[in-house]
C-alpha atoms as a PDB file:
ATOM      1  CA  MET A   1     -48.838  16.951 -16.543  1.00  0.00           C
ATOM      2  CA  ILE A   2     -45.335  17.373 -17.912  1.00  0.00           C
ATOM      3  CA  SER A   3     -42.844  20.058 -17.020  1.00  0.00           C
ATOM      4  CA  VAL A   4     -41.394  22.490 -19.531  1.00  0.00           C
ATOM      5  CA  THR A   5     -38.938  25.327 -19.001  1.00  0.00           C
ATOM      6  CA  ARG A   6     -39.929  28.754 -20.245  1.00  0.00           C
ATOM      7  CA  LEU A   7     -37.322  31.080 -21.724  1.00  0.00           C
ATOM      8  CA  ASP A   8     -37.060  32.951 -18.414  1.00  0.00           C
ATOM      9  CA  GLY A   9     -36.012  29.700 -16.690  1.00  0.00           C
ATOM     10  CA  LYS A  10     -39.261  29.129 -14.804  1.00  0.00           C
ATOM     11  CA  THR A  11     -40.832  25.682 -14.763  1.00  0.00           C
ATOM     12  CA  TYR A  12     -44.301  25.470 -16.262  1.00  0.00           C
ATOM     13  CA  TRP A  13     -46.604  22.429 -16.293  1.00  0.00           C
ATOM     14  CA  ILE A  14     -48.792  21.520 -19.248  1.00  0.00           C
ATOM     15  CA  ASN A  15     -51.242  18.755 -20.010  1.00  0.00           C
ATOM     16  CA  PRO A  16     -49.642  16.717 -22.823  1.00  0.00           C
ATOM     17  CA  HIS A  17     -53.081  15.705 -24.104  1.00  0.00           C
ATOM     18  CA  MET A  18     -53.680  19.375 -24.967  1.00  0.00           C
ATOM     19  CA  ILE A  19     -50.613  19.728 -27.235  1.00  0.00           C
ATOM     20  CA  GLU A  20     -51.648  20.291 -30.827  1.00  0.00           C
ATOM     21  CA  SER A  21     -48.222  20.900 -32.384  1.00  0.00           C
ATOM     22  CA  MET A  22     -44.631  21.952 -31.767  1.00  0.00           C
ATOM     23  CA  GLU A  23     -42.518  24.213 -33.962  1.00  0.00           C
ATOM     24  CA  GLN A  24     -38.841  25.053 -33.550  1.00  0.00           C
ATOM     25  CA  THR A  25     -37.883  28.466 -35.001  1.00  0.00           C
ATOM     26  CA  PRO A  26     -35.230  28.466 -33.258  1.00  0.00           C
ATOM     27  CA  ASP A  27     -36.995  28.388 -29.849  1.00  0.00           C
ATOM     28  CA  LEU A  28     -39.575  25.652 -29.419  1.00  0.00           C
ATOM     29  CA  THR A  29     -43.164  26.910 -29.573  1.00  0.00           C
ATOM     30  CA  ILE A  30     -45.818  24.529 -28.254  1.00  0.00           C
ATOM     31  CA  SER A  31     -49.339  25.193 -29.547  1.00  0.00           C
ATOM     32  CA  LEU A  32     -52.163  23.972 -27.338  1.00  0.00           C
ATOM     33  CA  LEU A  33     -55.682  23.029 -28.407  1.00  0.00           C
ATOM     34  CA  SER A  34     -56.947  26.107 -26.558  1.00  0.00           C
ATOM     35  CA  GLY A  35     -55.011  28.317 -28.977  1.00  0.00           C
ATOM     36  CA  LYS A  36     -52.453  29.303 -26.348  1.00  0.00           C
ATOM     37  CA  LYS A  37     -48.781  29.129 -27.329  1.00  0.00           C
ATOM     38  CA  VAL A  38     -45.926  28.436 -24.932  1.00  0.00           C
ATOM     39  CA  VAL A  39     -42.301  29.150 -25.911  1.00  0.00           C
ATOM     40  CA  VAL A  40     -39.848  26.878 -24.097  1.00  0.00           C
ATOM     41  CA  ARG A  41     -36.132  26.112 -23.794  1.00  0.00           C
ATOM     42  CA  ASP A  42     -36.674  22.361 -24.059  1.00  0.00           C
ATOM     43  CA  THR A  43     -35.958  20.441 -27.258  1.00  0.00           C
ATOM     44  CA  PRO A  44     -38.657  18.551 -29.169  1.00  0.00           C
ATOM     45  CA  ASP A  45     -36.952  15.268 -28.237  1.00  0.00           C
ATOM     46  CA  GLU A  46     -37.081  16.164 -24.529  1.00  0.00           C
ATOM     47  CA  ILE A  47     -40.788  17.010 -24.749  1.00  0.00           C
ATOM     48  CA  ILE A  48     -41.575  13.824 -26.672  1.00  0.00           C
ATOM     49  CA  GLU A  49     -39.653  11.748 -24.106  1.00  0.00           C
ATOM     50  CA  ARG A  50     -41.658  13.356 -21.280  1.00  0.00           C
ATOM     51  CA  ILE A  51     -44.924  12.675 -23.097  1.00  0.00           C
ATOM     52  CA  VAL A  52     -43.999   9.011 -23.662  1.00  0.00           C
ATOM     53  CA  SER A  53     -42.944   8.667 -20.012  1.00  0.00           C
ATOM     54  CA  TYR A  54     -46.155  10.338 -18.812  1.00  0.00           C
ATOM     55  CA  ARG A  55     -48.346   8.105 -20.950  1.00  0.00           C
ATOM     56  CA  SER A  56     -46.471   4.977 -19.901  1.00  0.00           C
ATOM     57  CA  ARG A  57     -47.227   5.862 -16.272  1.00  0.00           C
ATOM     58  CA  LEU A  58     -50.901   6.007 -17.280  1.00  0.00           C
ATOM     59  CA  GLY A  59     -50.632   2.569 -18.905  1.00  0.00           C
ATOM     60  CA  VAL A  60     -50.891   3.798 -22.506  1.00  0.00           C
ATOM     61  CA  THR A  61     -48.809   1.660 -24.872  1.00  0.00           C
ATOM     62  CA  LYS A  62     -46.861   3.049 -27.848  1.00  0.00           C
ATOM     63  CA  GLN A  63     -49.329   1.363 -30.214  1.00  0.00           C
ATOM     64  CA  GLU A  64     -52.159   3.458 -28.728  1.00  0.00           C
ATOM     65  CA  ILE A  65     -50.292   6.764 -29.080  1.00  0.00           C
END
């Protein structure tokens, strides 16, 4: 799980394997495979860094991503 910060400042945890896409307009909207959308304060670069860090802890190399 990775942490994201919702617009109200609360921390929310999501499974990065369930992220389908991200769109910044201007807030970042994360679309999950379930169809749910989460609007967050975080930047795309911050989310990507957390995903890479999470996967590296699982032993997934960049070539496998």
